[in-house]
Amino acid sequence: MTTKKTPKKAVKKSRTRGRRDNGLRSFAIHISDSQGAAKIKALNVSRPQFAGFSEISTSRLTKLDPESAAQLYLNQALDSNDVPQFTAPELDGAASEFKSLGTESIPLTGTRIVKFRQYFHKIPVYGSLVTVELDEKNECLSINSALGTPSGVNPIAKVSPNDALEVAQKEAAFGKRLPEAAPRLHFYFDQSRGKWLLAYIIENVPIKDASETGTFLMDFVVDAHTGKLVTRLPRTVSMAAKLETAIDALGKRRRIYTDNDGNNAKIMRNKNLNVHTYDFNFRDPVREFGRLPGSYVKKKSNTWPPDGVSAHANAEEVAKFLRRTLKRANIDGQGGNMVSTVNCVYAEESRGGREWENAFWDPELRQMVYGQRFDDGQLLTLSANLDIVAHEMFHGVTDFTARLEYAAESGALNESYSDIFGAIISNAKRRNIADWEWELGEGRSDTVTPFRDMSDPSRFGQPKHMRNYQDLPVTSNDDWGGVHLNSGIHNFAAYKLITAKAANGKYIFKPSECATLFYLALTQRLSRTSGFSDSRIAVLQTAQTLFRKENPATREAKIRAIKNAFSAVGISN
């Protein structure tokens, strides 16, 4: 039996952002929050009156698969007058549809999260996301959403997928390489003009002139009605067996796992962690893309090349942190290869044919690429520093999960999450947070200036409060809307959260708790166009789940510390 519903009015929730908007309306409730608890309690009371639930006993609900249970909770919350702020947008009389993206079990919290994408007329809404979090008995713990209403947009394309692909063909590297995925229609919010469009998204297009764009892969957005290019969104982001002991590029003694290639040659391959390290012998990773990853780094004259040692040892550190602390099997979450290639040189950015000061995660090949710079007359690989390696590899984690757009505020958030984990992973062996180092890139050598300082972003020209957010054009000349610049704001919030102290002077959070908070917020509650305020909500909801079984005073202190950290830099709901 179902009750007659009163139509609900859409309520727009205020957001703290730069001047750009992503066109989506946010909503969040959690059972550990006082207001959220009241709403979820009301939903539980009225549950027997709703279709689907009315036919299921509590014992049967426990035995349902999480996806089916989450779908019931989502339908009820959207239909119920108990949650008037949560509505299913309509488009010219057509109701929103929600398709499951799958279920993920979260061992860090003992919960399951089911994700849904919003559709109209079987067309996905770009950046939309609904997450329903369930406990071990399939009871609802939280609902989080970002939904759009692309009103006034004709859902019928006038341009064919092949026509859209031709737009990308003109920009493709050497006119050859195009992505394997076909163009797909989306309702897309054009942030530069503040309007919704029907658009084709063409992912992972290799670009001809990377020296102009500063990147090698782009997602193309093509208007499905006019055939005109709407925007290009950068994908590749750059940061300006046997146990052996070897010396790395900084002269440090490192322990690495290696293997035998079957021909009595020792190579850098760790079968247990699935970490592989290759040498490109100063070739161009763009023009000779087909030759990547190169050949395994080999041991010669009983000595391992120091650049390969750094890349291999640091990749192993990242892999172990992902597995031990975050319970994630490598970058892709499936235990897949973690590949690094050293000694790469992009010719158009090189000085002297060997120096190329760049490193990036390639989302098409799903591997790391490292350049090098001259330091005191010697080439020093960019893989020498653990925080740089962790930063770049975490772009890979983001790529497999939230896939935050690398532009404007979502791009700054993308950069910030990589900075956060660059700092957390590089400081993992320092148990006392008071001993942590907050400069990024500071350890390569005495002559290399750090890139950023999370404890004082202004030291390297970054804003550290939303009042100073710089709304720049989304172009390569302006760092794609200031992604490296504005990331300082969210970085400073993370620094304040991690270093928050109680009245007794002790740190409120353990390092592992901080890692878990940011990891689950990123991978489970954020989507392509999420911004700083979405991150605040995501971290808070993660905390409410993670600390739900602690005593109320301790839990409240942690929640208050998170709110204070984000509020201190002007990031509010």
Protein backbone atom coordinates (compact mmCIF):
# COMPACT_ATOMS: atom_id res chain seq x y z
CA MET A 1 0.00 0.00 0.00
CA THR A 2 1.22 3.51 -0.81
CA THR A 3 0.10 6.87 0.51
CA LYS A 4 -0.91 9.83 -1.61
CA LYS A 5 2.03 12.22 -1.91
CA THR A 6 1.94 15.98 -1.79
CA PRO A 7 4.10 17.40 -4.60
CA LYS A 8 7.33 18.78 -3.17
CA LYS A 9 8.91 22.02 -4.23
CA ALA A 10 12.56 21.99 -5.15
CA VAL A 11 14.68 23.68 -2.52
CA LYS A 12 18.01 25.05 -3.68
CA LYS A 13 20.72 24.64 -1.11
CA SER A 14 23.25 27.44 -0.74
CA ARG A 15 26.80 26.70 -1.79
CA THR A 16 30.13 28.35 -1.11
CA ARG A 17 31.99 28.35 -4.40
CA GLY A 18 33.95 30.54 -6.74
CA ARG A 19 31.85 32.51 -9.21
CA ARG A 20 31.36 29.37 -11.31
CA ASP A 21 28.54 26.92 -10.61
CA ASN A 22 28.29 23.29 -11.68
CA GLY A 23 24.50 23.39 -12.18
CA LEU A 24 23.83 20.70 -9.57
CA ARG A 25 21.84 20.96 -6.34
CA SER A 26 23.34 19.24 -3.31
CA PHE A 27 21.58 17.37 -0.51
CA ALA A 28 22.88 15.26 2.38
CA ILE A 29 21.50 13.55 5.48
CA HIS A 30 23.23 11.22 7.92
CA ILE A 31 21.83 9.25 10.83
CA SER A 32 24.55 10.55 13.19
CA ASP A 33 23.62 14.16 12.55
CA SER A 34 20.72 15.48 14.66
CA GLN A 35 18.69 16.79 11.71
CA GLY A 36 19.54 13.80 9.55
CA ALA A 37 18.64 11.39 12.34
CA ALA A 38 15.18 12.96 12.66
CA LYS A 39 14.55 12.61 8.93
CA ILE A 40 15.78 9.02 8.73
CA LYS A 41 13.74 8.12 11.81
CA ALA A 42 10.64 9.61 10.17
CA LEU A 43 11.35 7.61 7.02
CA ASN A 44 11.69 4.42 9.08
CA VAL A 45 8.35 5.06 10.78
CA SER A 46 6.51 5.60 7.49
CA ARG A 47 8.42 2.86 5.67
CA PRO A 48 5.63 0.24 5.78
CA GLN A 49 3.36 2.60 3.84
CA PHE A 50 5.58 2.77 0.76
CA ALA A 51 5.55 0.44 -2.23
CA GLY A 52 8.28 -2.14 -2.04
CA PHE A 53 8.85 -1.72 1.68
CA SER A 54 5.25 -2.62 2.48
CA GLU A 55 5.88 -6.12 1.21
CA ILE A 56 9.19 -6.68 3.00
CA SER A 57 9.65 -7.62 6.64
CA THR A 58 12.69 -6.45 8.60
CA SER A 59 14.22 -9.92 8.39
CA ARG A 60 13.73 -10.01 4.61
CA LEU A 61 15.22 -6.54 4.25
CA THR A 62 18.39 -7.76 5.91
CA LYS A 63 18.69 -10.51 3.29
CA LEU A 64 18.16 -8.23 0.29
CA ASP A 65 21.12 -7.42 -1.91
CA PRO A 66 22.40 -3.90 -1.06
CA GLU A 67 21.51 -2.48 -4.47
CA SER A 68 17.85 -3.44 -4.15
CA ALA A 69 17.68 -2.11 -0.59
CA ALA A 70 19.34 1.17 -1.59
CA GLN A 71 16.91 1.59 -4.48
CA LEU A 72 13.99 1.26 -2.05
CA TYR A 73 15.46 3.87 0.30
CA LEU A 74 16.11 6.23 -2.58
CA ASN A 75 12.60 5.91 -3.97
CA GLN A 76 11.04 6.42 -0.54
CA ALA A 77 13.14 9.48 0.32
CA LEU A 78 12.36 11.11 -3.03
CA ASP A 79 8.62 10.48 -2.64
CA SER A 80 8.28 11.19 1.08
CA ASN A 81 7.07 14.45 2.60
CA ASP A 82 9.35 13.65 5.55
CA VAL A 83 12.31 14.91 3.51
CA PRO A 84 10.97 17.95 1.63
CA GLN A 85 14.45 19.17 0.66
CA PHE A 86 15.21 16.00 -1.34
CA THR A 87 13.40 15.99 -4.68
CA ALA A 88 13.66 14.22 -8.01
CA PRO A 89 13.96 16.98 -10.63
CA GLU A 90 11.62 16.87 -13.60
CA LEU A 91 12.42 17.89 -17.17
CA ASP A 92 9.46 19.05 -19.26
CA GLY A 93 7.20 16.55 -17.51
CA ALA A 94 9.72 13.72 -17.62
CA ALA A 95 10.81 12.33 -14.26
CA SER A 96 14.38 11.70 -13.25
CA GLU A 97 15.59 8.15 -13.64
CA PHE A 98 18.30 6.67 -11.45
CA LYS A 99 20.56 3.88 -12.63
CA SER A 100 22.86 2.01 -10.30
CA LEU A 101 26.61 2.33 -10.77
CA GLY A 102 27.20 -0.63 -8.47
CA THR A 103 27.86 -1.47 -4.83
CA GLU A 104 31.12 -1.11 -2.98
CA SER A 105 31.84 -2.69 0.38
CA ILE A 106 33.87 -0.40 2.63
CA PRO A 107 36.01 -2.44 5.03
CA LEU A 108 37.23 0.73 6.75
CA THR A 109 33.71 1.42 8.06
CA GLY A 110 31.95 -1.94 7.74
CA THR A 111 29.34 -0.39 5.46
CA ARG A 112 28.20 -0.70 1.85
CA ILE A 113 27.72 2.25 -0.51
CA VAL A 114 25.49 2.07 -3.57
CA LYS A 115 25.93 4.79 -6.19
CA PHE A 116 23.34 6.00 -8.71
CA ARG A 117 23.58 8.27 -11.76
CA GLN A 118 20.69 10.60 -12.71
CA TYR A 119 19.16 10.29 -16.19
CA PHE A 120 16.48 12.01 -18.28
CA HIS A 121 15.19 10.32 -21.43
CA LYS A 122 17.90 7.65 -20.88
CA ILE A 123 20.58 10.36 -21.12
CA PRO A 124 22.90 10.78 -18.11
CA VAL A 125 23.26 14.12 -16.32
CA TYR A 126 26.98 14.93 -16.31
CA GLY A 127 28.45 15.05 -12.79
CA SER A 128 25.27 13.82 -11.08
CA LEU A 129 25.57 11.32 -8.24
CA VAL A 130 23.45 9.80 -5.48
CA THR A 131 25.05 7.65 -2.78
CA VAL A 132 23.05 5.53 -0.36
CA GLU A 133 25.04 4.12 2.56
CA LEU A 134 23.88 0.95 4.33
CA ASP A 135 25.01 -0.80 7.48
CA GLU A 136 25.48 -4.57 7.85
CA LYS A 137 21.70 -5.05 8.30
CA ASN A 138 20.81 -2.99 5.21
CA GLU A 139 19.58 -0.10 7.35
CA CYS A 140 20.11 3.32 5.78
CA LEU A 141 22.89 5.41 7.33
CA SER A 142 23.10 8.29 4.87
CA ILE A 143 21.99 9.70 1.55
CA ASN A 144 24.07 12.18 -0.39
CA SER A 145 23.22 13.65 -3.79
CA ALA A 146 24.10 16.16 -6.49
CA LEU A 147 21.25 16.46 -9.01
CA GLY A 148 20.57 18.69 -12.00
CA THR A 149 17.57 20.04 -13.90
CA PRO A 150 18.58 20.62 -17.54
CA SER A 151 15.40 22.51 -18.41
CA GLY A 152 14.83 23.94 -21.85
CA VAL A 153 17.16 21.46 -23.56
CA ASN A 154 15.91 19.38 -26.49
CA PRO A 155 16.96 15.78 -25.74
CA ILE A 156 17.18 14.88 -29.44
CA ALA A 157 20.60 15.38 -31.00
CA LYS A 158 20.92 17.10 -34.39
CA VAL A 159 24.57 16.10 -34.75
CA SER A 160 25.69 12.50 -35.22
CA PRO A 161 28.32 10.82 -33.04
CA ASN A 162 30.62 10.61 -36.07
CA ASP A 163 30.32 14.35 -36.62
CA ALA A 164 31.27 14.94 -33.01
CA LEU A 165 34.20 12.56 -33.39
CA GLU A 166 35.46 14.59 -36.35
CA VAL A 167 35.81 17.60 -34.05
CA ALA A 168 38.15 15.55 -31.90
CA GLN A 169 39.91 14.17 -34.99
CA LYS A 170 41.12 17.66 -35.90
CA GLU A 171 42.84 17.96 -32.52
CA ALA A 172 44.10 14.40 -32.17
CA ALA A 173 47.83 13.80 -31.92
CA PHE A 174 49.31 13.40 -35.41
CA GLY A 175 45.79 12.91 -36.75
CA LYS A 176 45.87 9.23 -35.80
CA ARG A 177 45.14 8.30 -32.23
CA LEU A 178 41.53 8.59 -31.17
CA PRO A 179 39.90 7.17 -28.06
CA GLU A 180 38.36 3.72 -28.25
CA ALA A 181 35.16 4.86 -26.51
CA ALA A 182 32.48 6.28 -28.82
CA PRO A 183 31.04 9.76 -28.14
CA ARG A 184 28.19 9.58 -25.66
CA LEU A 185 25.33 12.00 -25.11
CA HIS A 186 25.04 13.82 -21.77
CA PHE A 187 23.10 16.71 -20.36
CA TYR A 188 26.07 18.98 -19.67
CA PHE A 189 26.18 22.23 -17.70
CA ASP A 190 28.41 24.79 -19.44
CA GLN A 191 29.88 26.63 -16.46
CA SER A 192 31.31 29.46 -18.56
CA ARG A 193 27.85 30.42 -19.83
CA GLY A 194 25.77 29.14 -16.92
CA LYS A 195 23.44 27.04 -19.08
CA TRP A 196 22.58 23.42 -19.78
CA LEU A 197 23.31 21.76 -23.13
CA LEU A 198 22.88 18.43 -24.82
CA ALA A 199 26.45 17.44 -25.58
CA TYR A 200 28.64 14.59 -26.71
CA ILE A 201 31.50 13.71 -24.35
CA ILE A 202 34.55 12.25 -26.12
CA GLU A 203 37.05 11.01 -23.57
CA ASN A 204 40.86 10.67 -23.66
CA VAL A 205 41.69 12.44 -26.91
CA PRO A 206 45.48 12.79 -27.36
CA ILE A 207 46.44 16.35 -28.28
CA LYS A 208 48.77 17.49 -31.06
CA ASP A 209 50.49 20.33 -29.27
CA ALA A 210 51.08 19.43 -25.66
CA SER A 211 53.53 22.31 -25.29
CA GLU A 212 50.62 24.71 -25.75
CA THR A 213 48.12 22.97 -23.51
CA GLY A 214 50.45 21.56 -20.86
CA THR A 215 48.71 18.21 -21.10
CA PHE A 216 48.55 15.20 -23.41
CA LEU A 217 44.95 13.98 -23.15
CA MET A 218 41.67 15.87 -23.25
CA ASP A 219 37.98 15.16 -22.87
CA PHE A 220 36.09 16.99 -25.62
CA VAL A 221 32.59 18.38 -25.09
CA VAL A 222 30.74 18.95 -28.38
CA ASP A 223 27.29 20.61 -28.61
CA ALA A 224 24.92 17.92 -29.94
CA HIS A 225 22.69 20.55 -31.55
CA THR A 226 25.23 22.83 -33.25
CA GLY A 227 28.28 20.58 -33.59
CA LYS A 228 30.48 23.26 -32.06
CA LEU A 229 33.19 22.54 -29.54
CA VAL A 230 31.99 23.61 -26.07
CA THR A 231 35.18 22.99 -24.14
CA ARG A 232 38.24 20.80 -23.75
CA LEU A 233 38.87 19.37 -20.32
CA PRO A 234 42.42 18.20 -19.48
CA ARG A 235 42.86 14.61 -18.32
CA THR A 236 46.60 14.17 -17.88
CA VAL A 237 47.65 16.32 -14.99
CA SER A 238 51.22 17.30 -14.33
CA MET A 239 52.90 18.70 -11.23
CA ALA A 240 55.28 21.17 -12.56
CA ALA A 241 59.82 -11.07 -5.57
CA LYS A 242 63.38 -10.49 -4.36
CA LEU A 243 64.23 -8.13 -1.54
CA GLU A 244 67.37 -6.12 -2.24
CA THR A 245 69.04 -3.00 -0.93
CA ALA A 246 69.95 -0.27 -3.41
CA ILE A 247 70.86 3.44 -3.47
CA ASP A 248 68.23 5.85 -4.80
CA ALA A 249 68.59 9.17 -6.61
CA LEU A 250 68.97 11.07 -3.32
CA GLY A 251 71.72 8.78 -2.09
CA LYS A 252 69.43 6.99 0.34
CA ARG A 253 69.59 3.25 0.91
CA ARG A 254 66.24 1.70 -0.04
CA ARG A 255 64.79 -1.80 0.16
CA ILE A 256 63.10 -2.92 -3.05
CA TYR A 257 61.59 -6.15 -4.40
CA THR A 258 62.89 -7.30 -7.77
CA ASP A 259 62.55 -10.31 -10.05
CA ASN A 260 64.33 -12.39 -12.70
CA ASP A 261 63.19 -12.05 -16.32
CA GLY A 262 63.90 -15.71 -17.14
CA ASN A 263 67.11 -14.90 -18.97
CA ASN A 264 69.22 -14.41 -15.84
CA ALA A 265 68.64 -10.65 -15.93
CA LYS A 266 67.39 -8.94 -12.78
CA ILE A 267 64.55 -6.50 -13.39
CA MET A 268 62.45 -4.10 -11.31
CA ARG A 269 59.25 -6.09 -10.91
CA ASN A 270 57.46 -6.74 -7.64
CA LYS A 271 54.99 -9.55 -8.24
CA ASN A 272 53.46 -9.39 -4.76
CA LEU A 273 52.45 -5.72 -5.02
CA ASN A 274 52.21 -5.75 -8.84
CA VAL A 275 54.65 -2.83 -9.12
CA HIS A 276 56.62 -2.51 -12.36
CA THR A 277 59.33 0.03 -13.25
CA TYR A 278 60.57 0.75 -16.76
CA ASP A 279 63.21 2.86 -18.51
CA PHE A 280 62.37 4.93 -21.64
CA ASN A 281 66.01 5.86 -22.34
CA PHE A 282 65.24 9.57 -22.84
CA ARG A 283 62.69 9.00 -25.59
CA ASP A 284 59.55 11.10 -26.08
CA PRO A 285 56.47 9.59 -24.34
CA VAL A 286 54.13 11.57 -26.60
CA ARG A 287 55.60 11.01 -30.04
CA GLU A 288 56.63 7.45 -29.18
CA PHE A 289 53.51 6.66 -27.24
CA GLY A 290 53.28 3.18 -28.72
CA ARG A 291 56.61 2.19 -27.15
CA LEU A 292 55.54 2.90 -23.58
CA PRO A 293 56.11 1.68 -20.94
CA GLY A 294 59.59 0.90 -22.32
CA SER A 295 61.93 -1.83 -21.06
CA TYR A 296 62.20 -2.99 -17.48
CA VAL A 297 64.89 -1.26 -15.45
CA LYS A 298 67.70 -3.81 -15.19
CA LYS A 299 70.56 -4.39 -12.82
CA LYS A 300 73.88 -3.72 -14.56
CA SER A 301 77.35 -4.54 -13.20
CA ASN A 302 75.68 -5.53 -9.94
CA THR A 303 74.25 -2.01 -9.54
CA TRP A 304 70.70 -0.70 -9.87
CA PRO A 305 70.21 2.70 -11.61
CA PRO A 306 69.35 5.23 -8.86
CA ASP A 307 66.50 6.84 -10.82
CA GLY A 308 64.81 3.46 -11.19
CA VAL A 309 65.38 2.69 -7.50
CA SER A 310 63.56 5.90 -6.49
CA ALA A 311 60.59 5.26 -8.75
CA HIS A 312 60.31 1.59 -7.76
CA ALA A 313 60.79 2.06 -4.01
CA ASN A 314 58.37 5.00 -3.84
CA ALA A 315 55.73 3.16 -5.89
CA GLU A 316 56.04 0.24 -3.45
CA GLU A 317 55.53 2.68 -0.56
CA VAL A 318 52.33 3.99 -2.17
CA ALA A 319 51.07 0.47 -2.92
CA LYS A 320 51.67 -0.65 0.68
CA PHE A 321 49.91 2.43 2.06
CA LEU A 322 46.91 1.87 -0.20
CA ARG A 323 46.63 -1.75 0.88
CA ARG A 324 47.43 -1.48 4.58
CA THR A 325 45.83 1.83 5.54
CA LEU A 326 43.07 2.33 2.96
CA LYS A 327 42.34 -1.35 2.21
CA ARG A 328 42.57 -0.55 -1.50
CA ALA A 329 44.27 -2.99 -3.88
CA ASN A 330 46.52 -0.64 -5.87
CA ILE A 331 45.49 2.40 -7.89
CA ASP A 332 42.60 0.76 -9.72
CA GLY A 333 41.27 -0.95 -6.59
CA GLN A 334 41.54 -4.33 -8.35
CA GLY A 335 45.20 -5.11 -7.72
CA GLY A 336 46.16 -4.03 -11.25
CA ASN A 337 49.63 -3.12 -12.43
CA MET A 338 51.25 -0.03 -10.94
CA VAL A 339 53.58 1.00 -13.75
CA SER A 340 56.25 3.71 -13.70
CA THR A 341 58.54 4.80 -16.54
CA VAL A 342 61.64 6.88 -15.84
CA ASN A 343 63.95 8.82 -18.19
CA CYS A 344 61.23 10.36 -20.35
CA VAL A 345 61.76 13.55 -22.36
CA TYR A 346 59.04 15.47 -24.16
CA ALA A 347 61.08 17.07 -26.93
CA GLU A 348 59.15 20.35 -27.17
CA GLU A 349 59.64 21.07 -23.47
CA SER A 350 63.14 19.63 -23.13
CA ARG A 351 66.32 21.52 -22.42
CA GLY A 352 69.37 19.83 -23.90
CA GLY A 353 67.56 16.68 -24.96
CA ARG A 354 67.54 15.08 -21.50
CA GLU A 355 66.12 17.57 -19.02
CA TRP A 356 62.33 17.55 -18.78
CA GLU A 357 60.97 18.73 -15.44
CA ASN A 358 57.61 17.05 -15.44
CA ALA A 359 55.77 14.00 -14.13
CA PHE A 360 52.23 12.84 -14.70
CA TRP A 361 49.68 10.08 -14.45
CA ASP A 362 48.56 8.93 -17.91
CA PRO A 363 44.88 7.97 -17.62
CA GLU A 364 44.85 6.22 -21.00
CA LEU A 365 47.82 3.93 -20.36
CA ARG A 366 47.17 3.97 -16.61
CA GLN A 367 50.79 4.49 -15.69
CA MET A 368 53.23 7.04 -14.29
CA VAL A 369 55.68 8.95 -16.51
CA TYR A 370 58.70 10.72 -14.98
CA GLY A 371 61.06 13.31 -16.36
CA GLN A 372 64.17 14.71 -14.71
CA ARG A 373 66.08 17.95 -14.18
CA PHE A 374 69.70 18.94 -13.82
CA ASP A 375 70.64 19.52 -10.21
CA ASP A 376 74.21 20.57 -9.49
CA GLY A 377 75.23 19.27 -12.89
CA GLN A 378 73.60 15.85 -12.42
CA LEU A 379 70.23 14.61 -13.69
CA LEU A 380 67.77 14.08 -10.84
CA THR A 381 64.56 12.14 -11.50
CA LEU A 382 61.24 13.61 -10.41
CA SER A 383 60.48 10.21 -8.89
CA ALA A 384 63.08 10.94 -6.19
CA ASN A 385 60.52 12.43 -3.82
CA LEU A 386 57.87 10.23 -2.22
CA ASP A 387 55.35 13.06 -1.90
CA ILE A 388 55.56 13.78 -5.66
CA VAL A 389 55.12 10.08 -6.50
CA ALA A 390 52.19 9.75 -4.08
CA HIS A 391 50.64 12.97 -5.42
CA GLU A 392 50.76 11.81 -9.03
CA MET A 393 49.63 8.26 -8.28
CA PHE A 394 46.67 9.57 -6.32
CA HIS A 395 45.56 11.34 -9.47
CA GLY A 396 45.17 7.76 -10.69
CA VAL A 397 42.97 6.87 -7.70
CA THR A 398 40.85 9.96 -8.42
CA ASP A 399 40.68 8.94 -12.07
CA PHE A 400 39.26 5.53 -11.15
CA THR A 401 36.74 6.92 -8.63
CA ALA A 402 35.39 10.49 -8.42
CA ARG A 403 37.09 11.46 -11.72
CA LEU A 404 37.02 15.11 -10.71
CA GLU A 405 37.17 17.43 -13.71
CA TYR A 406 40.59 19.00 -14.03
CA ALA A 407 39.28 22.55 -14.37
CA ALA A 408 38.20 25.44 -12.12
CA GLU A 409 37.08 24.48 -8.59
CA SER A 410 36.72 20.75 -9.21
CA GLY A 411 40.23 20.80 -10.69
CA ALA A 412 41.58 22.60 -7.62
CA LEU A 413 39.88 19.92 -5.51
CA ASN A 414 41.50 17.25 -7.67
CA GLU A 415 44.92 18.81 -7.07
CA SER A 416 44.25 19.24 -3.36
CA TYR A 417 43.34 15.59 -2.78
CA SER A 418 46.60 14.57 -4.46
CA ASP A 419 48.49 17.05 -2.28
CA ILE A 420 46.74 15.73 0.84
CA PHE A 421 47.78 12.16 0.11
CA GLY A 422 51.22 13.25 -1.01
CA ALA A 423 51.64 14.71 2.48
CA ILE A 424 49.94 11.86 4.35
CA ILE A 425 51.89 9.09 2.59
CA SER A 426 55.27 10.85 2.76
CA ASN A 427 54.74 11.47 6.49
CA ALA A 428 53.36 8.00 7.24
CA LYS A 429 56.47 6.91 9.15
CA ARG A 430 56.28 9.98 11.41
CA ARG A 431 53.80 8.88 14.06
CA ASN A 432 53.70 12.28 15.75
CA ILE A 433 51.83 14.82 13.63
CA ALA A 434 53.96 17.54 15.22
CA ASP A 435 56.91 16.14 13.24
CA TRP A 436 55.16 16.20 9.87
CA GLU A 437 56.60 18.14 6.95
CA TRP A 438 54.04 20.14 4.99
CA GLU A 439 56.12 21.35 2.05
CA LEU A 440 55.56 19.40 -1.16
CA GLY A 441 58.59 18.57 -3.28
CA GLU A 442 61.05 19.85 -0.68
CA GLY A 443 63.14 16.71 -0.34
CA ARG A 444 64.58 16.27 -3.83
CA SER A 445 67.74 18.25 -3.07
CA ASP A 446 68.98 21.32 -1.23
CA THR A 447 68.79 23.43 -4.40
CA VAL A 448 65.19 22.60 -5.38
CA THR A 449 62.44 24.94 -4.15
CA PRO A 450 59.26 23.22 -2.89
CA PHE A 451 56.10 23.46 -4.97
CA ARG A 452 53.60 24.24 -2.21
CA ASP A 453 53.25 24.49 1.57
CA MET A 454 49.99 23.12 2.99
CA SER A 455 50.62 24.78 6.37
CA ASP A 456 50.96 28.22 4.74
CA PRO A 457 49.71 28.28 1.12
CA SER A 458 50.37 32.02 0.85
CA ARG A 459 54.09 31.32 1.12
CA PHE A 460 54.05 30.19 -2.51
CA GLY A 461 51.39 32.62 -3.71
CA GLN A 462 48.30 30.47 -3.12
CA PRO A 463 45.11 31.81 -1.52
CA LYS A 464 44.13 30.16 1.75
CA HIS A 465 40.59 31.51 2.16
CA MET A 466 37.54 31.52 -0.12
CA ARG A 467 37.45 35.32 -0.05
CA ASN A 468 40.66 35.18 -2.10
CA TYR A 469 39.53 32.46 -4.53
CA GLN A 470 40.64 33.48 -8.02
CA ASP A 471 38.04 32.78 -10.70
CA LEU A 472 40.31 32.50 -13.73
CA PRO A 473 39.47 31.55 -17.33
CA VAL A 474 39.53 27.82 -17.95
CA THR A 475 42.47 27.88 -20.36
CA SER A 476 45.94 26.37 -20.35
CA ASN A 477 47.45 29.85 -19.92
CA ASP A 478 45.49 30.28 -16.71
CA ASP A 479 46.24 26.82 -15.28
CA TRP A 480 42.78 25.57 -16.28
CA GLY A 481 41.03 28.00 -13.97
CA GLY A 482 43.78 28.09 -11.35
CA VAL A 483 43.76 24.43 -10.32
CA HIS A 484 47.24 24.59 -8.74
CA LEU A 485 46.56 28.06 -7.35
CA ASN A 486 43.16 27.66 -5.67
CA SER A 487 44.00 24.19 -4.33
CA GLY A 488 45.71 26.02 -1.45
CA ILE A 489 42.32 26.82 0.10
CA HIS A 490 41.26 23.20 0.44
CA ASN A 491 44.83 22.22 1.36
CA PHE A 492 44.76 24.66 4.26
CA ALA A 493 41.44 23.22 5.47
CA ALA A 494 43.00 19.74 5.36
CA TYR A 495 46.04 20.98 7.30
CA LYS A 496 43.81 22.49 9.97
CA LEU A 497 41.79 19.27 10.21
CA ILE A 498 44.82 17.01 10.52
CA THR A 499 46.50 19.27 13.12
CA ALA A 500 43.35 20.01 15.16
CA LYS A 501 43.93 19.69 18.91
CA ALA A 502 41.66 19.09 21.88
CA ALA A 503 41.65 21.25 25.00
CA ASN A 504 44.28 18.99 26.55
CA GLY A 505 46.67 19.75 23.70
CA LYS A 506 46.46 16.30 22.12
CA TYR A 507 45.72 15.84 18.44
CA ILE A 508 42.06 14.98 17.85
CA PHE A 509 42.66 12.66 14.91
CA LYS A 510 45.09 9.81 14.33
CA PRO A 511 46.93 9.98 10.99
CA SER A 512 45.12 6.83 9.82
CA GLU A 513 41.77 8.44 10.63
CA CYS A 514 42.65 11.49 8.54
CA ALA A 515 43.66 9.27 5.63
CA THR A 516 40.40 7.32 5.90
CA LEU A 517 38.27 10.46 6.08
CA PHE A 518 39.69 12.02 2.93
CA TYR A 519 39.95 8.73 1.04
CA LEU A 520 36.31 7.72 1.57
CA ALA A 521 35.09 11.26 0.95
CA LEU A 522 36.89 11.33 -2.40
CA THR A 523 36.13 7.83 -3.63
CA GLN A 524 32.57 7.38 -2.35
CA ARG A 525 30.87 10.79 -2.18
CA LEU A 526 32.34 13.07 -4.86
CA SER A 527 31.70 13.24 -8.59
CA ARG A 528 33.08 14.97 -11.66
CA THR A 529 32.02 18.54 -10.94
CA SER A 530 32.17 18.51 -7.13
CA GLY A 531 33.61 21.57 -5.43
CA PHE A 532 35.02 22.56 -2.04
CA SER A 533 31.64 22.70 -0.29
CA ASP A 534 30.82 19.21 -1.61
CA SER A 535 34.08 18.01 -0.10
CA ARG A 536 33.14 19.48 3.28
CA ILE A 537 29.82 17.60 3.20
CA ALA A 538 31.56 14.41 2.04
CA VAL A 539 34.17 14.51 4.82
CA LEU A 540 31.50 15.23 7.44
CA GLN A 541 29.30 12.36 6.28
CA THR A 542 32.29 10.03 6.20
CA ALA A 543 33.16 11.04 9.77
CA GLN A 544 29.60 10.45 10.94
CA THR A 545 29.81 6.89 9.64
CA LEU A 546 33.42 6.21 10.64
CA PHE A 547 33.00 7.41 14.24
CA ARG A 548 29.37 6.36 14.73
CA LYS A 549 30.25 3.77 17.42
CA GLU A 550 32.47 6.06 19.51
CA ASN A 551 31.16 7.75 22.65
CA PRO A 552 29.08 10.86 21.87
CA ALA A 553 31.57 13.36 23.34
CA THR A 554 34.48 12.02 21.29
CA ARG A 555 32.40 11.82 18.14
CA GLU A 556 31.10 15.37 18.58
CA ALA A 557 34.61 16.71 19.14
CA LYS A 558 35.75 15.18 15.86
CA ILE A 559 32.73 16.49 13.94
CA ARG A 560 33.25 19.95 15.41
CA ALA A 561 36.94 19.89 14.44
CA ILE A 562 36.04 19.10 10.83
CA LYS A 563 33.47 21.89 10.67
CA ASN A 564 35.93 24.34 12.22
CA ALA A 565 38.68 23.40 9.75
CA PHE A 566 36.54 24.04 6.69
CA SER A 567 34.86 27.12 8.17
CA ALA A 568 38.26 28.64 8.99
CA VAL A 569 39.03 28.87 5.26
CA GLY A 570 35.53 30.02 4.28
CA ILE A 571 34.22 26.68 2.97
CA SER A 572 30.65 26.22 4.21
CA ASN A 573 27.75 24.02 3.12
